[in-house]
PDB file of all heavy atoms in Angstrom:
ATOM      1  N   CYS A   1     111.889  56.256  64.589  1.00  0.00           N
ATOM      2  CA  CYS A   1     111.887  54.919  63.988  1.00  0.00           C
ATOM      3  C   CYS A   1     111.145  53.932  64.873  1.00  0.00           C
ATOM      4  O   CYS A   1     110.346  53.118  64.407  1.00  0.00           O
ATOM      5  CB  CYS A   1     113.321  54.431  63.767  1.00  0.00           C
ATOM      6  SG  CYS A   1     114.196  55.333  62.467  1.00  0.00           S
ATOM      7  N   ALA A   2     111.412  53.976  66.166  1.00  0.00           N
ATOM      8  CA  ALA A   2     110.772  53.047  67.103  1.00  0.00           C
ATOM      9  C   ALA A   2     109.264  53.210  67.076  1.00  0.00           C
ATOM     10  O   ALA A   2     108.514  52.232  67.122  1.00  0.00           O
ATOM     11  CB  ALA A   2     111.311  53.268  68.512  1.00  0.00           C
ATOM     12  N   ALA A   3     108.792  54.465  66.996  1.00  0.00           N
ATOM     13  CA  ALA A   3     107.345  54.704  66.963  1.00  0.00           C
ATOM     14  C   ALA A   3     106.725  54.133  65.702  1.00  0.00           C
ATOM     15  O   ALA A   3     105.638  53.538  65.729  1.00  0.00           O
ATOM     16  CB  ALA A   3     107.074  56.208  67.056  1.00  0.00           C
ATOM     17  N   VAL A   4     107.414  54.285  64.559  1.00  0.00           N
ATOM     18  CA  VAL A   4     106.895  53.761  63.296  1.00  0.00           C
ATOM     19  C   VAL A   4     106.777  52.249  63.343  1.00  0.00           C
ATOM     20  O   VAL A   4     105.754  51.653  63.002  1.00  0.00           O
ATOM     21  CB  VAL A   4     107.802  54.192  62.122  1.00  0.00           C
ATOM     22  CG1 VAL A   4     107.404  53.443  60.852  1.00  0.00           C
ATOM     23  CG2 VAL A   4     107.689  55.685  61.890  1.00  0.00           C
ATOM     24  N   PHE A   5     107.859  51.584  63.816  1.00  0.00           N
ATOM     25  CA  PHE A   5     107.863  50.131  63.820  1.00  0.00           C
ATOM     26  C   PHE A   5     106.908  49.565  64.862  1.00  0.00           C
ATOM     27  O   PHE A   5     106.390  48.471  64.708  1.00  0.00           O
ATOM     28  CB  PHE A   5     109.279  49.613  64.053  1.00  0.00           C
ATOM     29  CG  PHE A   5     110.219  49.992  62.935  1.00  0.00           C
ATOM     30  CD1 PHE A   5     111.473  50.502  63.201  1.00  0.00           C
ATOM     31  CD2 PHE A   5     109.822  49.847  61.618  1.00  0.00           C
ATOM     32  CE1 PHE A   5     112.321  50.844  62.165  1.00  0.00           C
ATOM     33  CE2 PHE A   5     110.663  50.193  60.577  1.00  0.00           C
ATOM     34  CZ  PHE A   5     111.930  50.698  60.844  1.00  0.00           C
ATOM     35  N   SER A   6     106.674  50.312  65.939  1.00  0.00           N
ATOM     36  CA  SER A   6     105.688  49.870  66.918  1.00  0.00           C
ATOM     37  C   SER A   6     104.304  49.818  66.290  1.00  0.00           C
ATOM     38  O   SER A   6     103.522  48.902  66.529  1.00  0.00           O
ATOM     39  CB  SER A   6     105.684  50.804  68.131  1.00  0.00           C
ATOM     40  OG  SER A   6     104.683  50.434  69.045  1.00  0.00           O
ATOM     41  N   SER A   7     104.010  50.804  65.442  1.00  0.00           N
ATOM     42  CA  SER A   7     102.707  50.804  64.782  1.00  0.00           C
ATOM     43  C   SER A   7     102.616  49.676  63.768  1.00  0.00           C
ATOM     44  O   SER A   7     101.544  49.092  63.564  1.00  0.00           O
ATOM     45  CB  SER A   7     102.473  52.146  64.083  1.00  0.00           C
ATOM     46  OG  SER A   7     103.371  52.309  62.995  1.00  0.00           O
ATOM     47  N   LEU A   8     103.751  49.324  63.124  1.00  0.00           N
ATOM     48  CA  LEU A   8     103.733  48.235  62.162  1.00  0.00           C
ATOM     49  C   LEU A   8     103.407  46.911  62.841  1.00  0.00           C
ATOM     50  O   LEU A   8     102.700  46.073  62.302  1.00  0.00           O
ATOM     51  CB  LEU A   8     105.095  48.130  61.454  1.00  0.00           C
ATOM     52  CG  LEU A   8     105.451  49.269  60.490  1.00  0.00           C
ATOM     53  CD1 LEU A   8     106.813  49.004  59.869  1.00  0.00           C
ATOM     54  CD2 LEU A   8     104.406  49.412  59.400  1.00  0.00           C
ATOM     55  N   ARG A   9     103.950  46.703  64.034  1.00  0.00           N
ATOM     56  CA  ARG A   9     103.717  45.448  64.742  1.00  0.00           C
ATOM     57  C   ARG A   9     102.241  45.275  65.099  1.00  0.00           C
ATOM     58  O   ARG A   9     101.762  44.168  65.234  1.00  0.00           O
ATOM     59  CB  ARG A   9     104.551  45.404  66.025  1.00  0.00           C
ATOM     60  CG  ARG A   9     106.023  45.123  65.788  1.00  0.00           C
ATOM     61  CD  ARG A   9     106.666  44.647  67.081  1.00  0.00           C
ATOM     62  NE  ARG A   9     108.087  44.437  66.913  1.00  0.00           N
ATOM     63  CZ  ARG A   9     109.016  45.317  67.234  1.00  0.00           C
ATOM     64  NH1 ARG A   9     108.662  46.483  67.716  1.00  0.00           N
ATOM     65  NH2 ARG A   9     110.299  45.055  67.065  1.00  0.00           N
ATOM     66  N   ARG A  10     101.543  46.387  65.265  1.00  0.00           N
ATOM     67  CA  ARG A  10     100.136  46.287  65.644  1.00  0.00           C
ATOM     68  C   ARG A  10      99.251  45.910  64.468  1.00  0.00           C
ATOM     69  O   ARG A  10      98.105  45.543  64.647  1.00  0.00           O
ATOM     70  CB  ARG A  10      99.659  47.614  66.249  1.00  0.00           C
ATOM     71  CG  ARG A  10     100.231  47.902  67.621  1.00  0.00           C
ATOM     72  CD  ARG A  10      99.458  49.004  68.306  1.00  0.00           C
ATOM     73  NE  ARG A  10      99.584  50.269  67.621  1.00  0.00           N
ATOM     74  CZ  ARG A  10     100.530  51.174  67.877  1.00  0.00           C
ATOM     75  NH1 ARG A  10     101.455  50.923  68.795  1.00  0.00           N
ATOM     76  NH2 ARG A  10     100.573  52.313  67.215  1.00  0.00           N
ATOM     77  N   ARG A  11      99.811  45.989  63.260  1.00  0.00           N
ATOM     78  CA  ARG A  11      99.038  45.651  62.075  1.00  0.00           C
ATOM     79  C   ARG A  11      99.182  44.157  61.812  1.00  0.00           C
ATOM     80  O   ARG A  11     100.097  43.712  61.132  1.00  0.00           O
ATOM     81  CB  ARG A  11      99.522  46.451  60.868  1.00  0.00           C
ATOM     82  CG  ARG A  11      99.285  47.936  60.980  1.00  0.00           C
ATOM     83  CD  ARG A  11      99.844  48.656  59.775  1.00  0.00           C
ATOM     84  NE  ARG A  11      99.240  48.173  58.546  1.00  0.00           N
ATOM     85  CZ  ARG A  11      99.674  48.498  57.337  1.00  0.00           C
ATOM     86  NH1 ARG A  11     100.727  49.275  57.195  1.00  0.00           N
ATOM     87  NH2 ARG A  11      99.078  48.028  56.262  1.00  0.00           N
ATOM     88  N   LYS A  12      98.323  43.374  62.399  1.00  0.00           N
ATOM     89  CA  LYS A  12      98.434  41.921  62.287  1.00  0.00           C
ATOM     90  C   LYS A  12      97.659  41.420  61.074  1.00  0.00           C
ATOM     91  O   LYS A  12      96.533  41.812  60.832  1.00  0.00           O
ATOM     92  CB  LYS A  12      97.914  41.255  63.554  1.00  0.00           C
ATOM     93  CG  LYS A  12      98.764  41.554  64.784  1.00  0.00           C
ATOM     94  CD  LYS A  12      98.228  40.818  65.982  1.00  0.00           C
ATOM     95  CE  LYS A  12      99.101  41.090  67.208  1.00  0.00           C
ATOM     96  NZ  LYS A  12      98.604  40.393  68.403  1.00  0.00           N
ATOM     97  N   SER A  13      98.280  40.535  60.337  1.00  0.00           N
ATOM     98  CA  SER A  13      97.628  39.912  59.204  1.00  0.00           C
ATOM     99  C   SER A  13      97.119  38.541  59.620  1.00  0.00           C
ATOM    100  O   SER A  13      97.833  37.795  60.282  1.00  0.00           O
ATOM    101  CB  SER A  13      98.619  39.766  58.049  1.00  0.00           C
ATOM    102  OG  SER A  13      98.146  38.838  57.114  1.00  0.00           O
ATOM    103  N   PRO A  14      95.912  38.171  59.227  1.00  0.00           N
ATOM    104  CA  PRO A  14      95.415  36.840  59.592  1.00  0.00           C
ATOM    105  C   PRO A  14      96.238  35.728  58.965  1.00  0.00           C
ATOM    106  O   PRO A  14      96.237  34.608  59.436  1.00  0.00           O
ATOM    107  CB  PRO A  14      93.982  36.839  59.057  1.00  0.00           C
ATOM    108  CG  PRO A  14      93.975  37.885  57.988  1.00  0.00           C
ATOM    109  CD  PRO A  14      94.942  38.929  58.440  1.00  0.00           C
ATOM    110  N   LEU A  15      96.954  36.054  57.888  1.00  0.00           N
ATOM    111  CA  LEU A  15      97.771  35.049  57.227  1.00  0.00           C
ATOM    112  C   LEU A  15      99.157  34.941  57.836  1.00  0.00           C
ATOM    113  O   LEU A  15      99.683  33.854  58.050  1.00  0.00           O
ATOM    114  CB  LEU A  15      97.889  35.391  55.739  1.00  0.00           C
ATOM    115  CG  LEU A  15      98.833  34.508  54.917  1.00  0.00           C
ATOM    116  CD1 LEU A  15      98.335  33.072  54.905  1.00  0.00           C
ATOM    117  CD2 LEU A  15      98.946  35.035  53.500  1.00  0.00           C
ATOM    118  N   LEU A  16      99.751  36.062  58.156  1.00  0.00           N
ATOM    119  CA  LEU A  16     101.154  36.070  58.544  1.00  0.00           C
ATOM    120  C   LEU A  16     101.383  35.994  60.037  1.00  0.00           C
ATOM    121  O   LEU A  16     102.430  35.562  60.482  1.00  0.00           O
ATOM    122  CB  LEU A  16     101.831  37.339  57.991  1.00  0.00           C
ATOM    123  CG  LEU A  16     101.728  37.506  56.473  1.00  0.00           C
ATOM    124  CD1 LEU A  16     102.375  38.797  56.041  1.00  0.00           C
ATOM    125  CD2 LEU A  16     102.358  36.329  55.767  1.00  0.00           C
ATOM    126  N   GLY A  17     100.460  36.463  60.839  1.00  0.00           N
ATOM    127  CA  GLY A  17     100.637  36.410  62.287  1.00  0.00           C
ATOM    128  C   GLY A  17     101.660  37.415  62.769  1.00  0.00           C
ATOM    129  O   GLY A  17     101.999  38.385  62.094  1.00  0.00           O
ATOM    130  N   ALA A  18     102.184  37.193  63.965  1.00  0.00           N
ATOM    131  CA  ALA A  18     103.153  38.097  64.576  1.00  0.00           C
ATOM    132  C   ALA A  18     104.498  37.395  64.694  1.00  0.00           C
ATOM    133  O   ALA A  18     104.574  36.231  65.070  1.00  0.00           O
ATOM    134  CB  ALA A  18     102.675  38.530  65.955  1.00  0.00           C
ATOM    135  N   PHE A  19     105.580  38.097  64.339  1.00  0.00           N
ATOM    136  CA  PHE A  19     106.922  37.535  64.396  1.00  0.00           C
ATOM    137  C   PHE A  19     107.844  38.526  65.100  1.00  0.00           C
ATOM    138  O   PHE A  19     107.588  39.736  65.134  1.00  0.00           O
ATOM    139  CB  PHE A  19     107.446  37.241  62.986  1.00  0.00           C
ATOM    140  CG  PHE A  19     106.584  36.281  62.221  1.00  0.00           C
ATOM    141  CD1 PHE A  19     105.617  36.747  61.344  1.00  0.00           C
ATOM    142  CD2 PHE A  19     106.715  34.924  62.393  1.00  0.00           C
ATOM    143  CE1 PHE A  19     104.810  35.878  60.647  1.00  0.00           C
ATOM    144  CE2 PHE A  19     105.916  34.036  61.706  1.00  0.00           C
ATOM    145  CZ  PHE A  19     104.957  34.512  60.823  1.00  0.00           C
ATOM    146  N   TYR A  20     108.942  37.981  65.610  1.00  0.00           N
ATOM    147  CA  TYR A  20     109.890  38.800  66.360  1.00  0.00           C
ATOM    148  C   TYR A  20     111.308  38.495  65.901  1.00  0.00           C
ATOM    149  O   TYR A  20     111.627  37.364  65.535  1.00  0.00           O
ATOM    150  CB  TYR A  20     109.773  38.518  67.862  1.00  0.00           C
ATOM    151  CG  TYR A  20     108.392  38.745  68.410  1.00  0.00           C
ATOM    152  CD1 TYR A  20     107.454  37.715  68.424  1.00  0.00           C
ATOM    153  CD2 TYR A  20     108.005  39.995  68.886  1.00  0.00           C
ATOM    154  CE1 TYR A  20     106.173  37.918  68.902  1.00  0.00           C
ATOM    155  CE2 TYR A  20     106.727  40.209  69.374  1.00  0.00           C
ATOM    156  CZ  TYR A  20     105.820  39.173  69.377  1.00  0.00           C
ATOM    157  OH  TYR A  20     104.551  39.384  69.848  1.00  0.00           O
ATOM    158  N   THR A  21     112.140  39.537  65.932  1.00  0.00           N
ATOM    159  CA  THR A  21     113.547  39.355  65.611  1.00  0.00           C
ATOM    160  C   THR A  21     114.247  38.680  66.779  1.00  0.00           C
ATOM    161  O   THR A  21     114.050  39.076  67.927  1.00  0.00           O
ATOM    162  CB  THR A  21     114.218  40.710  65.342  1.00  0.00           C
ATOM    163  OG1 THR A  21     113.469  41.407  64.354  1.00  0.00           O
ATOM    164  CG2 THR A  21     115.643  40.518  64.858  1.00  0.00           C
ATOM    165  N   PRO A  22     115.051  37.645  66.525  1.00  0.00           N
ATOM    166  CA  PRO A  22     115.810  37.036  67.621  1.00  0.00           C
ATOM    167  C   PRO A  22     116.621  38.076  68.371  1.00  0.00           C
ATOM    168  O   PRO A  22     117.364  38.863  67.776  1.00  0.00           O
ATOM    169  CB  PRO A  22     116.712  36.024  66.907  1.00  0.00           C
ATOM    170  CG  PRO A  22     115.970  35.686  65.646  1.00  0.00           C
ATOM    171  CD  PRO A  22     115.272  36.956  65.244  1.00  0.00           C
ATOM    172  N   SER A  23     116.484  38.105  69.680  1.00  0.00           N
ATOM    173  CA  SER A  23     117.106  39.160  70.488  1.00  0.00           C
ATOM    174  C   SER A  23     118.624  39.074  70.508  1.00  0.00           C
ATOM    175  O   SER A  23     119.299  40.059  70.793  1.00  0.00           O
ATOM    176  CB  SER A  23     116.565  39.095  71.920  1.00  0.00           C
ATOM    177  OG  SER A  23     116.820  37.814  72.472  1.00  0.00           O
ATOM    178  N   ASP A  24     119.193  37.896  70.203  1.00  0.00           N
ATOM    179  CA  ASP A  24     120.643  37.742  70.295  1.00  0.00           C
ATOM    180  C   ASP A  24     121.359  38.103  69.002  1.00  0.00           C
ATOM    181  O   ASP A  24     122.576  37.948  68.899  1.00  0.00           O
ATOM    182  CB  ASP A  24     120.994  36.305  70.680  1.00  0.00           C
ATOM    183  CG  ASP A  24     120.426  35.295  69.689  1.00  0.00           C
ATOM    184  OD1 ASP A  24     119.479  35.660  68.965  1.00  0.00           O
ATOM    185  OD2 ASP A  24     120.925  34.155  69.648  1.00  0.00           O
ATOM    186  N   LEU A  25     120.613  38.594  67.991  1.00  0.00           N
ATOM    187  CA  LEU A  25     121.231  38.958  66.721  1.00  0.00           C
ATOM    188  C   LEU A  25     121.483  40.462  66.665  1.00  0.00           C
ATOM    189  O   LEU A  25     120.601  41.259  66.961  1.00  0.00           O
ATOM    190  CB  LEU A  25     120.335  38.556  65.548  1.00  0.00           C
ATOM    191  CG  LEU A  25     120.214  37.052  65.252  1.00  0.00           C
ATOM    192  CD1 LEU A  25     119.342  36.840  64.034  1.00  0.00           C
ATOM    193  CD2 LEU A  25     121.577  36.420  65.033  1.00  0.00           C
TER     194      LEU A  25
END
C-alpha cells in the first residue's frame, strides 16, 4: 500500500498541487 500511495503522490496535477494528511489525525 505504501508503495502505491508513494507513486500517487508523485503524480502532481498543475491544478490541484500537492496536499498532505494532517499528521495528528
